[in-house]
Amino acid sequence: MHSQVSERGLRKEPFFAKKGDVFIWHAHLLHGGGAINDPGRTRRSTVFHYFTAADSRKLGYKMVAHDATYWIKRGHPPVPGETPSVTTAIDRALQKVRRTLS
């Protein structure tokens, strides 16, 4: 990705969200967060990814029927800096919430 960004002369465009802002972007937009400069002011956000059924199958995701739609069943992505025991605890907590909701 870095070489493509360089070859195409692209540059980073920061998005400075304010409380209540919503940012919707295309799935193929190269994106990512920056360094946390002040741990006391980290963002609180919710991220949703929407895929077509065809794309989900192509990506090998298992789709699970839920009400009038489908959910993609996949594990919690790794978070940089987390130890495996923390990640495992998060996975267990998420599984418990999913069981409660289903």
PDB file of N, CA and C in Angstrom:
ATOM      1  N   MET A   1       0.822  -1.189   0.000  1.00  0.00           N
ATOM      2  CA  MET A   1       0.000   0.000   0.000  1.00  0.00           C
ATOM      3  C   MET A   1       0.867   1.255   0.000  1.00  0.00           C
ATOM      4  N   HIS A   2       1.940   1.220   0.788  1.00  0.00           N
ATOM      5  CA  HIS A   2       2.796   2.407   0.873  1.00  0.00           C
ATOM      6  C   HIS A   2       3.381   2.766  -0.485  1.00  0.00           C
ATOM      7  N   SER A   3       3.801   1.750  -1.259  1.00  0.00           N
ATOM      8  CA  SER A   3       4.390   2.036  -2.570  1.00  0.00           C
ATOM      9  C   SER A   3       3.340   2.604  -3.517  1.00  0.00           C
ATOM     10  N   GLN A   4       2.101   2.087  -3.463  1.00  0.00           N
ATOM     11  CA  GLN A   4       1.028   2.606  -4.317  1.00  0.00           C
ATOM     12  C   GLN A   4       0.694   4.056  -3.957  1.00  0.00           C
ATOM     13  N   VAL A   5       0.656   4.356  -2.685  1.00  0.00           N
ATOM     14  CA  VAL A   5       0.383   5.727  -2.237  1.00  0.00           C
ATOM     15  C   VAL A   5       1.469   6.653  -2.766  1.00  0.00           C
ATOM     16  N   SER A   6       2.720   6.224  -2.647  1.00  0.00           N
ATOM     17  CA  SER A   6       3.851   7.030  -3.105  1.00  0.00           C
ATOM     18  C   SER A   6       3.830   7.205  -4.628  1.00  0.00           C
ATOM     19  N   GLU A   7       3.638   6.105  -5.343  1.00  0.00           N
ATOM     20  CA  GLU A   7       3.627   6.154  -6.817  1.00  0.00           C
ATOM     21  C   GLU A   7       2.530   7.053  -7.356  1.00  0.00           C
ATOM     22  N   ARG A   8       1.411   7.096  -6.691  1.00  0.00           N
ATOM     23  CA  ARG A   8       0.270   7.876  -7.166  1.00  0.00           C
ATOM     24  C   ARG A   8       0.261   9.309  -6.633  1.00  0.00           C
ATOM     25  N   GLY A   9       1.250   9.637  -5.788  1.00  0.00           N
ATOM     26  CA  GLY A   9       1.325  10.986  -5.245  1.00  0.00           C
ATOM     27  C   GLY A   9       0.179  11.324  -4.299  1.00  0.00           C
ATOM     28  N   LEU A  10      -0.346  10.311  -3.605  1.00  0.00           N
ATOM     29  CA  LEU A  10      -1.450  10.543  -2.675  1.00  0.00           C
ATOM     30  C   LEU A  10      -0.932  11.102  -1.368  1.00  0.00           C
ATOM     31  N   ARG A  11      -1.817  11.761  -0.636  1.00  0.00           N
ATOM     32  CA  ARG A  11      -1.417  12.289   0.673  1.00  0.00           C
ATOM     33  C   ARG A  11      -2.507  12.015   1.697  1.00  0.00           C
ATOM     34  N   LYS A  12      -2.099  11.979   2.929  1.00  0.00           N
ATOM     35  CA  LYS A  12      -3.015  11.719   4.034  1.00  0.00           C
ATOM     36  C   LYS A  12      -3.910  12.939   4.262  1.00  0.00           C
ATOM     37  N   GLU A  13      -5.195  12.669   4.426  1.00  0.00           N
ATOM     38  CA  GLU A  13      -6.162  13.726   4.725  1.00  0.00           C
ATOM     39  C   GLU A  13      -6.799  13.409   6.066  1.00  0.00           C
ATOM     40  N   PRO A  14      -6.390  14.087   7.140  1.00  0.00           N
ATOM     41  CA  PRO A  14      -6.972  13.772   8.453  1.00  0.00           C
ATOM     42  C   PRO A  14      -8.428  14.211   8.551  1.00  0.00           C
ATOM     43  N   PHE A  15      -9.181  13.471   9.328  1.00  0.00           N
ATOM     44  CA  PHE A  15     -10.579  13.804   9.613  1.00  0.00           C
ATOM     45  C   PHE A  15     -10.666  14.077  11.106  1.00  0.00           C
ATOM     46  N   PHE A  16     -10.971  15.299  11.466  1.00  0.00           N
ATOM     47  CA  PHE A  16     -11.061  15.686  12.860  1.00  0.00           C
ATOM     48  C   PHE A  16     -12.536  15.709  13.264  1.00  0.00           C
ATOM     49  N   ALA A  17     -13.014  14.590  13.771  1.00  0.00           N
ATOM     50  CA  ALA A  17     -14.425  14.470  14.145  1.00  0.00           C
ATOM     51  C   ALA A  17     -14.714  15.222  15.426  1.00  0.00           C
ATOM     52  N   LYS A  18     -15.904  15.780  15.447  1.00  0.00           N
ATOM     53  CA  LYS A  18     -16.403  16.407  16.662  1.00  0.00           C
ATOM     54  C   LYS A  18     -17.517  15.523  17.215  1.00  0.00           C
ATOM     55  N   LYS A  19     -17.854  15.679  18.460  1.00  0.00           N
ATOM     56  CA  LYS A  19     -18.887  14.887  19.100  1.00  0.00           C
ATOM     57  C   LYS A  19     -20.151  14.885  18.238  1.00  0.00           C
ATOM     58  N   GLY A  20     -20.647  13.682  17.954  1.00  0.00           N
ATOM     59  CA  GLY A  20     -21.862  13.537  17.168  1.00  0.00           C
ATOM     60  C   GLY A  20     -21.641  13.415  15.676  1.00  0.00           C
ATOM     61  N   ASP A  21     -20.412  13.630  15.189  1.00  0.00           N
ATOM     62  CA  ASP A  21     -20.138  13.507  13.759  1.00  0.00           C
ATOM     63  C   ASP A  21     -20.262  12.070  13.289  1.00  0.00           C
ATOM     64  N   VAL A  22     -20.644  11.895  12.044  1.00  0.00           N
ATOM     65  CA  VAL A  22     -20.723  10.592  11.397  1.00  0.00           C
ATOM     66  C   VAL A  22     -19.862  10.663  10.153  1.00  0.00           C
ATOM     67  N   PHE A  23     -19.045   9.653   9.959  1.00  0.00           N
ATOM     68  CA  PHE A  23     -18.178   9.600   8.787  1.00  0.00           C
ATOM     69  C   PHE A  23     -18.436   8.284   8.080  1.00  0.00           C
ATOM     70  N   ILE A  24     -18.888   8.348   6.835  1.00  0.00           N
ATOM     71  CA  ILE A  24     -19.173   7.149   6.046  1.00  0.00           C
ATOM     72  C   ILE A  24     -18.216   7.151   4.869  1.00  0.00           C
ATOM     73  N   TRP A  25     -17.531   6.015   4.665  1.00  0.00           N
ATOM     74  CA  TRP A  25     -16.586   5.953   3.559  1.00  0.00           C
ATOM     75  C   TRP A  25     -16.748   4.657   2.790  1.00  0.00           C
ATOM     76  N   HIS A  26     -16.239   4.663   1.576  1.00  0.00           N
ATOM     77  CA  HIS A  26     -16.272   3.491   0.706  1.00  0.00           C
ATOM     78  C   HIS A  26     -15.358   2.415   1.287  1.00  0.00           C
ATOM     79  N   ALA A  27     -15.758   1.161   1.137  1.00  0.00           N
ATOM     80  CA  ALA A  27     -14.999   0.051   1.706  1.00  0.00           C
ATOM     81  C   ALA A  27     -13.573  -0.029   1.178  1.00  0.00           C
ATOM     82  N   HIS A  28     -13.332   0.457  -0.025  1.00  0.00           N
ATOM     83  CA  HIS A  28     -11.992   0.364  -0.605  1.00  0.00           C
ATOM     84  C   HIS A  28     -11.148   1.610  -0.360  1.00  0.00           C
ATOM     85  N   LEU A  29     -11.657   2.545   0.428  1.00  0.00           N
ATOM     86  CA  LEU A  29     -10.873   3.722   0.774  1.00  0.00           C
ATOM     87  C   LEU A  29      -9.793   3.316   1.769  1.00  0.00           C
ATOM     88  N   LEU A  30      -8.555   3.615   1.446  1.00  0.00           N
ATOM     89  CA  LEU A  30      -7.459   3.334   2.367  1.00  0.00           C
ATOM     90  C   LEU A  30      -7.657   4.234   3.590  1.00  0.00           C
ATOM     91  N   HIS A  31      -7.735   3.624   4.758  1.00  0.00           N
ATOM     92  CA  HIS A  31      -8.021   4.400   5.962  1.00  0.00           C
ATOM     93  C   HIS A  31      -7.337   3.772   7.176  1.00  0.00           C
ATOM     94  N   GLY A  32      -7.243   4.554   8.214  1.00  0.00           N
ATOM     95  CA  GLY A  32      -6.654   4.061   9.454  1.00  0.00           C
ATOM     96  C   GLY A  32      -6.568   5.174  10.471  1.00  0.00           C
ATOM     97  N   GLY A  33      -6.351   4.806  11.697  1.00  0.00           N
ATOM     98  CA  GLY A  33      -6.259   5.788  12.766  1.00  0.00           C
ATOM     99  C   GLY A  33      -4.819   6.215  12.998  1.00  0.00           C
ATOM    100  N   GLY A  34      -4.665   7.338  13.621  1.00  0.00           N
ATOM    101  CA  GLY A  34      -3.337   7.839  13.963  1.00  0.00           C
ATOM    102  C   GLY A  34      -2.952   7.442  15.375  1.00  0.00           C
ATOM    103  N   ALA A  35      -1.789   7.882  15.759  1.00  0.00           N
ATOM    104  CA  ALA A  35      -1.293   7.598  17.107  1.00  0.00           C
ATOM    105  C   ALA A  35      -2.172   8.295  18.145  1.00  0.00           C
ATOM    106  N   ILE A  36      -2.308   7.676  19.308  1.00  0.00           N
ATOM    107  CA  ILE A  36      -3.050   8.294  20.411  1.00  0.00           C
ATOM    108  C   ILE A  36      -2.077   9.186  21.168  1.00  0.00           C
ATOM    109  N   ASN A  37      -2.267  10.493  21.040  1.00  0.00           N
ATOM    110  CA  ASN A  37      -1.369  11.453  21.687  1.00  0.00           C
ATOM    111  C   ASN A  37      -1.722  11.686  23.149  1.00  0.00           C
ATOM    112  N   ASP A  38      -2.996  11.556  23.494  1.00  0.00           N
ATOM    113  CA  ASP A  38      -3.450  11.781  24.862  1.00  0.00           C
ATOM    114  C   ASP A  38      -4.415  10.656  25.228  1.00  0.00           C
ATOM    115  N   PRO A  39      -3.945   9.643  25.981  1.00  0.00           N
ATOM    116  CA  PRO A  39      -4.803   8.502  26.329  1.00  0.00           C
ATOM    117  C   PRO A  39      -6.095   8.892  27.044  1.00  0.00           C
ATOM    118  N   GLY A  40      -6.134  10.039  27.667  1.00  0.00           N
ATOM    119  CA  GLY A  40      -7.333  10.503  28.354  1.00  0.00           C
ATOM    120  C   GLY A  40      -8.385  11.044  27.401  1.00  0.00           C
ATOM    121  N   ARG A  41      -8.021  11.181  26.124  1.00  0.00           N
ATOM    122  CA  ARG A  41      -8.961  11.746  25.150  1.00  0.00           C
ATOM    123  C   ARG A  41      -9.148  10.826  23.950  1.00  0.00           C
ATOM    124  N   THR A  42      -9.141   9.521  24.181  1.00  0.00           N
ATOM    125  CA  THR A  42      -9.320   8.601  23.056  1.00  0.00           C
ATOM    126  C   THR A  42     -10.759   8.631  22.593  1.00  0.00           C
ATOM    127  N   ARG A  43     -10.951   8.279  21.337  1.00  0.00           N
ATOM    128  CA  ARG A  43     -12.293   8.329  20.766  1.00  0.00           C
ATOM    129  C   ARG A  43     -13.139   7.154  21.255  1.00  0.00           C
ATOM    130  N   ARG A  44     -14.405   7.377  21.223  1.00  0.00           N
ATOM    131  CA  ARG A  44     -15.362   6.316  21.481  1.00  0.00           C
ATOM    132  C   ARG A  44     -16.165   6.214  20.194  1.00  0.00           C
ATOM    133  N   SER A  45     -16.062   5.090  19.531  1.00  0.00           N
ATOM    134  CA  SER A  45     -16.706   4.981  18.230  1.00  0.00           C
ATOM    135  C   SER A  45     -17.315   3.609  18.028  1.00  0.00           C
ATOM    136  N   THR A  46     -18.212   3.554  17.085  1.00  0.00           N
ATOM    137  CA  THR A  46     -18.813   2.309  16.652  1.00  0.00           C
ATOM    138  C   THR A  46     -18.563   2.195  15.160  1.00  0.00           C
ATOM    139  N   VAL A  47     -18.095   1.037  14.735  1.00  0.00           N
ATOM    140  CA  VAL A  47     -17.799   0.830  13.322  1.00  0.00           C
ATOM    141  C   VAL A  47     -18.617  -0.335  12.811  1.00  0.00           C
ATOM    142  N   PHE A  48     -19.265  -0.143  11.696  1.00  0.00           N
ATOM    143  CA  PHE A  48     -20.038  -1.197  11.044  1.00  0.00           C
ATOM    144  C   PHE A  48     -19.474  -1.395   9.649  1.00  0.00           C
ATOM    145  N   HIS A  49     -19.392  -2.633   9.216  1.00  0.00           N
ATOM    146  CA  HIS A  49     -18.974  -2.955   7.859  1.00  0.00           C
ATOM    147  C   HIS A  49     -20.130  -3.661   7.177  1.00  0.00           C
ATOM    148  N   TYR A  50     -20.513  -3.188   6.021  1.00  0.00           N
ATOM    149  CA  TYR A  50     -21.600  -3.788   5.266  1.00  0.00           C
ATOM    150  C   TYR A  50     -21.030  -4.431   4.007  1.00  0.00           C
ATOM    151  N   PHE A  51     -21.417  -5.660   3.733  1.00  0.00           N
ATOM    152  CA  PHE A  51     -20.971  -6.395   2.548  1.00  0.00           C
ATOM    153  C   PHE A  51     -22.192  -6.960   1.835  1.00  0.00           C
ATOM    154  N   THR A  52     -22.080  -7.127   0.522  1.00  0.00           N
ATOM    155  CA  THR A  52     -23.130  -7.849  -0.188  1.00  0.00           C
ATOM    156  C   THR A  52     -22.953  -9.328   0.133  1.00  0.00           C
ATOM    157  N   ALA A  53     -24.015 -10.107  -0.069  1.00  0.00           N
ATOM    158  CA  ALA A  53     -23.924 -11.548   0.169  1.00  0.00           C
ATOM    159  C   ALA A  53     -22.869 -12.168  -0.747  1.00  0.00           C
ATOM    160  N   ALA A  54     -22.820 -11.704  -2.014  1.00  0.00           N
ATOM    161  CA  ALA A  54     -21.838 -12.244  -2.962  1.00  0.00           C
ATOM    162  C   ALA A  54     -20.410 -11.961  -2.503  1.00  0.00           C
ATOM    163  N   ASP A  55     -20.158 -10.738  -2.033  1.00  0.00           N
ATOM    164  CA  ASP A  55     -18.810 -10.402  -1.550  1.00  0.00           C
ATOM    165  C   ASP A  55     -18.464 -11.202  -0.304  1.00  0.00           C
ATOM    166  N   SER A  56     -19.448 -11.404   0.575  1.00  0.00           N
ATOM    167  CA  SER A  56     -19.199 -12.176   1.791  1.00  0.00           C
ATOM    168  C   SER A  56     -18.779 -13.604   1.459  1.00  0.00           C
ATOM    169  N   ARG A  57     -19.498 -14.210   0.501  1.00  0.00           N
ATOM    170  CA  ARG A  57     -19.136 -15.573   0.086  1.00  0.00           C
ATOM    171  C   ARG A  57     -17.751 -15.589  -0.553  1.00  0.00           C
ATOM    172  N   LYS A  58     -17.468 -14.588  -1.391  1.00  0.00           N
ATOM    173  CA  LYS A  58     -16.174 -14.517  -2.071  1.00  0.00           C
ATOM    174  C   LYS A  58     -15.021 -14.390  -1.065  1.00  0.00           C
ATOM    175  N   LEU A  59     -15.273 -13.659   0.027  1.00  0.00           N
ATOM    176  CA  LEU A  59     -14.257 -13.469   1.060  1.00  0.00           C
ATOM    177  C   LEU A  59     -14.185 -14.649   2.032  1.00  0.00           C
ATOM    178  N   GLY A  60     -15.100 -15.612   1.873  1.00  0.00           N
ATOM    179  CA  GLY A  60     -15.078 -16.799   2.724  1.00  0.00           C
ATOM    180  C   GLY A  60     -15.729 -16.601   4.079  1.00  0.00           C
ATOM    181  N   TYR A  61     -16.535 -15.543   4.243  1.00  0.00           N
ATOM    182  CA  TYR A  61     -17.202 -15.308   5.519  1.00  0.00           C
ATOM    183  C   TYR A  61     -18.413 -16.232   5.671  1.00  0.00           C
ATOM    184  N   LYS A  62     -18.656 -16.671   6.885  1.00  0.00           N
ATOM    185  CA  LYS A  62     -19.840 -17.464   7.178  1.00  0.00           C
ATOM    186  C   LYS A  62     -20.947 -16.488   7.565  1.00  0.00           C
ATOM    187  N   MET A  63     -22.059 -16.555   6.835  1.00  0.00           N
ATOM    188  CA  MET A  63     -23.180 -15.668   7.120  1.00  0.00           C
ATOM    189  C   MET A  63     -24.195 -16.390   7.997  1.00  0.00           C
ATOM    190  N   VAL A  64     -24.691 -15.688   9.000  1.00  0.00           N
ATOM    191  CA  VAL A  64     -25.653 -16.248   9.939  1.00  0.00           C
ATOM    192  C   VAL A  64     -26.926 -15.410   9.868  1.00  0.00           C
ATOM    193  N   ALA A  65     -28.066 -16.072   9.623  1.00  0.00           N
ATOM    194  CA  ALA A  65     -29.347 -15.365   9.546  1.00  0.00           C
ATOM    195  C   ALA A  65     -29.671 -14.721  10.890  1.00  0.00           C
ATOM    196  N   HIS A  66     -30.104 -13.470  10.851  1.00  0.00           N
ATOM    197  CA  HIS A  66     -30.473 -12.734  12.065  1.00  0.00           C
ATOM    198  C   HIS A  66     -31.617 -11.797  11.697  1.00  0.00           C
ATOM    199  N   ASP A  67     -32.812 -12.071  12.193  1.00  0.00           N
ATOM    200  CA  ASP A  67     -34.015 -11.318  11.846  1.00  0.00           C
ATOM    201  C   ASP A  67     -34.175 -11.294  10.324  1.00  0.00           C
ATOM    202  N   ALA A  68     -34.244 -10.124   9.726  1.00  0.00           N
ATOM    203  CA  ALA A  68     -34.469 -10.026   8.282  1.00  0.00           C
ATOM    204  C   ALA A  68     -33.167  -9.803   7.513  1.00  0.00           C
ATOM    205  N   THR A  69     -32.041 -10.069   8.148  1.00  0.00           N
ATOM    206  CA  THR A  69     -30.752  -9.815   7.508  1.00  0.00           C
ATOM    207  C   THR A  69     -29.766 -10.920   7.870  1.00  0.00           C
ATOM    208  N   TYR A  70     -28.517 -10.733   7.547  1.00  0.00           N
ATOM    209  CA  TYR A  70     -27.464 -11.686   7.883  1.00  0.00           C
ATOM    210  C   TYR A  70     -26.326 -10.976   8.595  1.00  0.00           C
ATOM    211  N   TRP A  71     -25.677 -11.683   9.490  1.00  0.00           N
ATOM    212  CA  TRP A  71     -24.471 -11.208  10.156  1.00  0.00           C
ATOM    213  C   TRP A  71     -23.319 -12.053   9.657  1.00  0.00           C
ATOM    214  N   ILE A  72     -22.145 -11.466   9.628  1.00  0.00           N
ATOM    215  CA  ILE A  72     -20.946 -12.221   9.260  1.00  0.00           C
ATOM    216  C   ILE A  72     -20.339 -12.751  10.541  1.00  0.00           C
ATOM    217  N   LYS A  73     -20.097 -14.043  10.581  1.00  0.00           N
ATOM    218  CA  LYS A  73     -19.512 -14.646  11.773  1.00  0.00           C
ATOM    219  C   LYS A  73     -18.001 -14.701  11.592  1.00  0.00           C
ATOM    220  N   ARG A  74     -17.291 -13.922  12.376  1.00  0.00           N
ATOM    221  CA  ARG A  74     -15.829 -13.932  12.336  1.00  0.00           C
ATOM    222  C   ARG A  74     -15.302 -13.495  13.699  1.00  0.00           C
ATOM    223  N   GLY A  75     -14.068 -13.826  13.953  1.00  0.00           N
ATOM    224  CA  GLY A  75     -13.463 -13.520  15.242  1.00  0.00           C
ATOM    225  C   GLY A  75     -13.116 -12.057  15.411  1.00  0.00           C
ATOM    226  N   HIS A  76     -12.826 -11.698  16.631  1.00  0.00           N
ATOM    227  CA  HIS A  76     -12.391 -10.348  16.974  1.00  0.00           C
ATOM    228  C   HIS A  76     -11.023 -10.098  16.341  1.00  0.00           C
ATOM    229  N   PRO A  77     -10.848  -9.002  15.608  1.00  0.00           N
ATOM    230  CA  PRO A  77      -9.537  -8.735  15.013  1.00  0.00           C
ATOM    231  C   PRO A  77      -8.511  -8.416  16.097  1.00  0.00           C
ATOM    232  N   PRO A  78      -7.252  -8.743  15.863  1.00  0.00           N
ATOM    233  CA  PRO A  78      -6.234  -8.440  16.871  1.00  0.00           C
ATOM    234  C   PRO A  78      -6.069  -6.930  17.044  1.00  0.00           C
ATOM    235  N   VAL A  79      -5.815  -6.518  18.259  1.00  0.00           N
ATOM    236  CA  VAL A  79      -5.583  -5.113  18.567  1.00  0.00           C
ATOM    237  C   VAL A  79      -4.115  -4.964  18.935  1.00  0.00           C
ATOM    238  N   PRO A  80      -3.384  -4.078  18.225  1.00  0.00           N
ATOM    239  CA  PRO A  80      -1.959  -3.923  18.523  1.00  0.00           C
ATOM    240  C   PRO A  80      -1.739  -3.598  20.000  1.00  0.00           C
ATOM    241  N   GLY A  81      -0.778  -4.273  20.595  1.00  0.00           N
ATOM    242  CA  GLY A  81      -0.424  -4.013  21.986  1.00  0.00           C
ATOM    243  C   GLY A  81      -1.175  -4.852  22.994  1.00  0.00           C
ATOM    244  N   GLU A  82      -2.235  -5.553  22.574  1.00  0.00           N
ATOM    245  CA  GLU A  82      -2.968  -6.411  23.505  1.00  0.00           C
ATOM    246  C   GLU A  82      -2.234  -7.729  23.667  1.00  0.00           C
ATOM    247  N   THR A  83      -2.243  -8.228  24.865  1.00  0.00           N
ATOM    248  CA  THR A  83      -1.662  -9.536  25.098  1.00  0.00           C
ATOM    249  C   THR A  83      -2.708 -10.587  24.762  1.00  0.00           C
ATOM    250  N   PRO A  84      -2.313 -11.802  24.416  1.00  0.00           N
ATOM    251  CA  PRO A  84      -3.302 -12.845  24.088  1.00  0.00           C
ATOM    252  C   PRO A  84      -4.334 -13.055  25.183  1.00  0.00           C
ATOM    253  N   SER A  85      -3.937 -12.946  26.455  1.00  0.00           N
ATOM    254  CA  SER A  85      -4.910 -13.170  27.528  1.00  0.00           C
ATOM    255  C   SER A  85      -5.982 -12.089  27.525  1.00  0.00           C
ATOM    256  N   VAL A  86      -5.618 -10.843  27.197  1.00  0.00           N
ATOM    257  CA  VAL A  86      -6.605  -9.768  27.126  1.00  0.00           C
ATOM    258  C   VAL A  86      -7.530 -10.008  25.947  1.00  0.00           C
ATOM    259  N   THR A  87      -6.955 -10.375  24.800  1.00  0.00           N
ATOM    260  CA  THR A  87      -7.763 -10.659  23.614  1.00  0.00           C
ATOM    261  C   THR A  87      -8.719 -11.809  23.883  1.00  0.00           C
ATOM    262  N   THR A  88      -8.251 -12.859  24.548  1.00  0.00           N
ATOM    263  CA  THR A  88      -9.105 -13.996  24.872  1.00  0.00           C
ATOM    264  C   THR A  88     -10.247 -13.557  25.787  1.00  0.00           C
ATOM    265  N   ALA A  89      -9.976 -12.717  26.755  1.00  0.00           N
ATOM    266  CA  ALA A  89     -11.013 -12.220  27.658  1.00  0.00           C
ATOM    267  C   ALA A  89     -12.043 -11.398  26.886  1.00  0.00           C
ATOM    268  N   ILE A  90     -11.578 -10.599  25.945  1.00  0.00           N
ATOM    269  CA  ILE A  90     -12.494  -9.802  25.127  1.00  0.00           C
ATOM    270  C   ILE A  90     -13.357 -10.724  24.285  1.00  0.00           C
ATOM    271  N   ASP A  91     -12.749 -11.740  23.673  1.00  0.00           N
ATOM    272  CA  ASP A  91     -13.506 -12.700  22.872  1.00  0.00           C
ATOM    273  C   ASP A  91     -14.579 -13.394  23.706  1.00  0.00           C
ATOM    274  N   ARG A  92     -14.238 -13.802  24.930  1.00  0.00           N
ATOM    275  CA  ARG A  92     -15.215 -14.466  25.803  1.00  0.00           C
ATOM    276  C   ARG A  92     -16.368 -13.512  26.130  1.00  0.00           C
ATOM    277  N   ALA A  93     -16.048 -12.260  26.410  1.00  0.00           N
ATOM    278  CA  ALA A  93     -17.084 -11.281  26.732  1.00  0.00           C
ATOM    279  C   ALA A  93     -17.996 -11.046  25.529  1.00  0.00           C
ATOM    280  N   LEU A  94     -17.421 -10.957  24.330  1.00  0.00           N
ATOM    281  CA  LEU A  94     -18.223 -10.765  23.122  1.00  0.00           C
ATOM    282  C   LEU A  94     -19.120 -11.968  22.865  1.00  0.00           C
ATOM    283  N   GLN A  95     -18.606 -13.158  23.086  1.00  0.00           N
ATOM    284  CA  GLN A  95     -19.419 -14.361  22.898  1.00  0.00           C
ATOM    285  C   GLN A  95     -20.609 -14.365  23.855  1.00  0.00           C
ATOM    286  N   LYS A  96     -20.379 -13.940  25.088  1.00  0.00           N
ATOM    287  CA  LYS A  96     -21.459 -13.890  26.071  1.00  0.00           C
ATOM    288  C   LYS A  96     -22.543 -12.903  25.638  1.00  0.00           C
ATOM    289  N   VAL A  97     -22.118 -11.738  25.125  1.00  0.00           N
ATOM    290  CA  VAL A  97     -23.078 -10.736  24.657  1.00  0.00           C
ATOM    291  C   VAL A  97     -23.859 -11.276  23.462  1.00  0.00           C
ATOM    292  N   ARG A  98     -23.166 -11.936  22.542  1.00  0.00           N
ATOM    293  CA  ARG A  98     -23.842 -12.510  21.361  1.00  0.00           C
ATOM    294  C   ARG A  98     -24.880 -13.565  21.762  1.00  0.00           C
ATOM    295  N   ARG A  99     -24.510 -14.408  22.749  1.00  0.00           N
ATOM    296  CA  ARG A  99     -25.468 -15.427  23.208  1.00  0.00           C
ATOM    297  C   ARG A  99     -26.699 -14.769  23.819  1.00  0.00           C
ATOM    298  N   THR A 100     -26.485 -13.695  24.566  1.00  0.00           N
ATOM    299  CA  THR A 100     -27.594 -12.984  25.195  1.00  0.00           C
ATOM    300  C   THR A 100     -28.515 -12.379  24.151  1.00  0.00           C
ATOM    301  N   LEU A 101     -27.930 -11.855  23.065  1.00  0.00           N
ATOM    302  CA  LEU A 101     -28.726 -11.193  22.032  1.00  0.00           C
ATOM    303  C   LEU A 101     -29.442 -12.169  21.114  1.00  0.00           C
ATOM    304  N   SER A 102     -28.953 -13.396  21.029  1.00  0.00           N
ATOM    305  CA  SER A 102     -29.585 -14.345  20.092  1.00  0.00           C
ATOM    306  C   SER A 102     -30.686 -15.160  20.721  1.00  0.00           C
TER     307      SER A 102
END
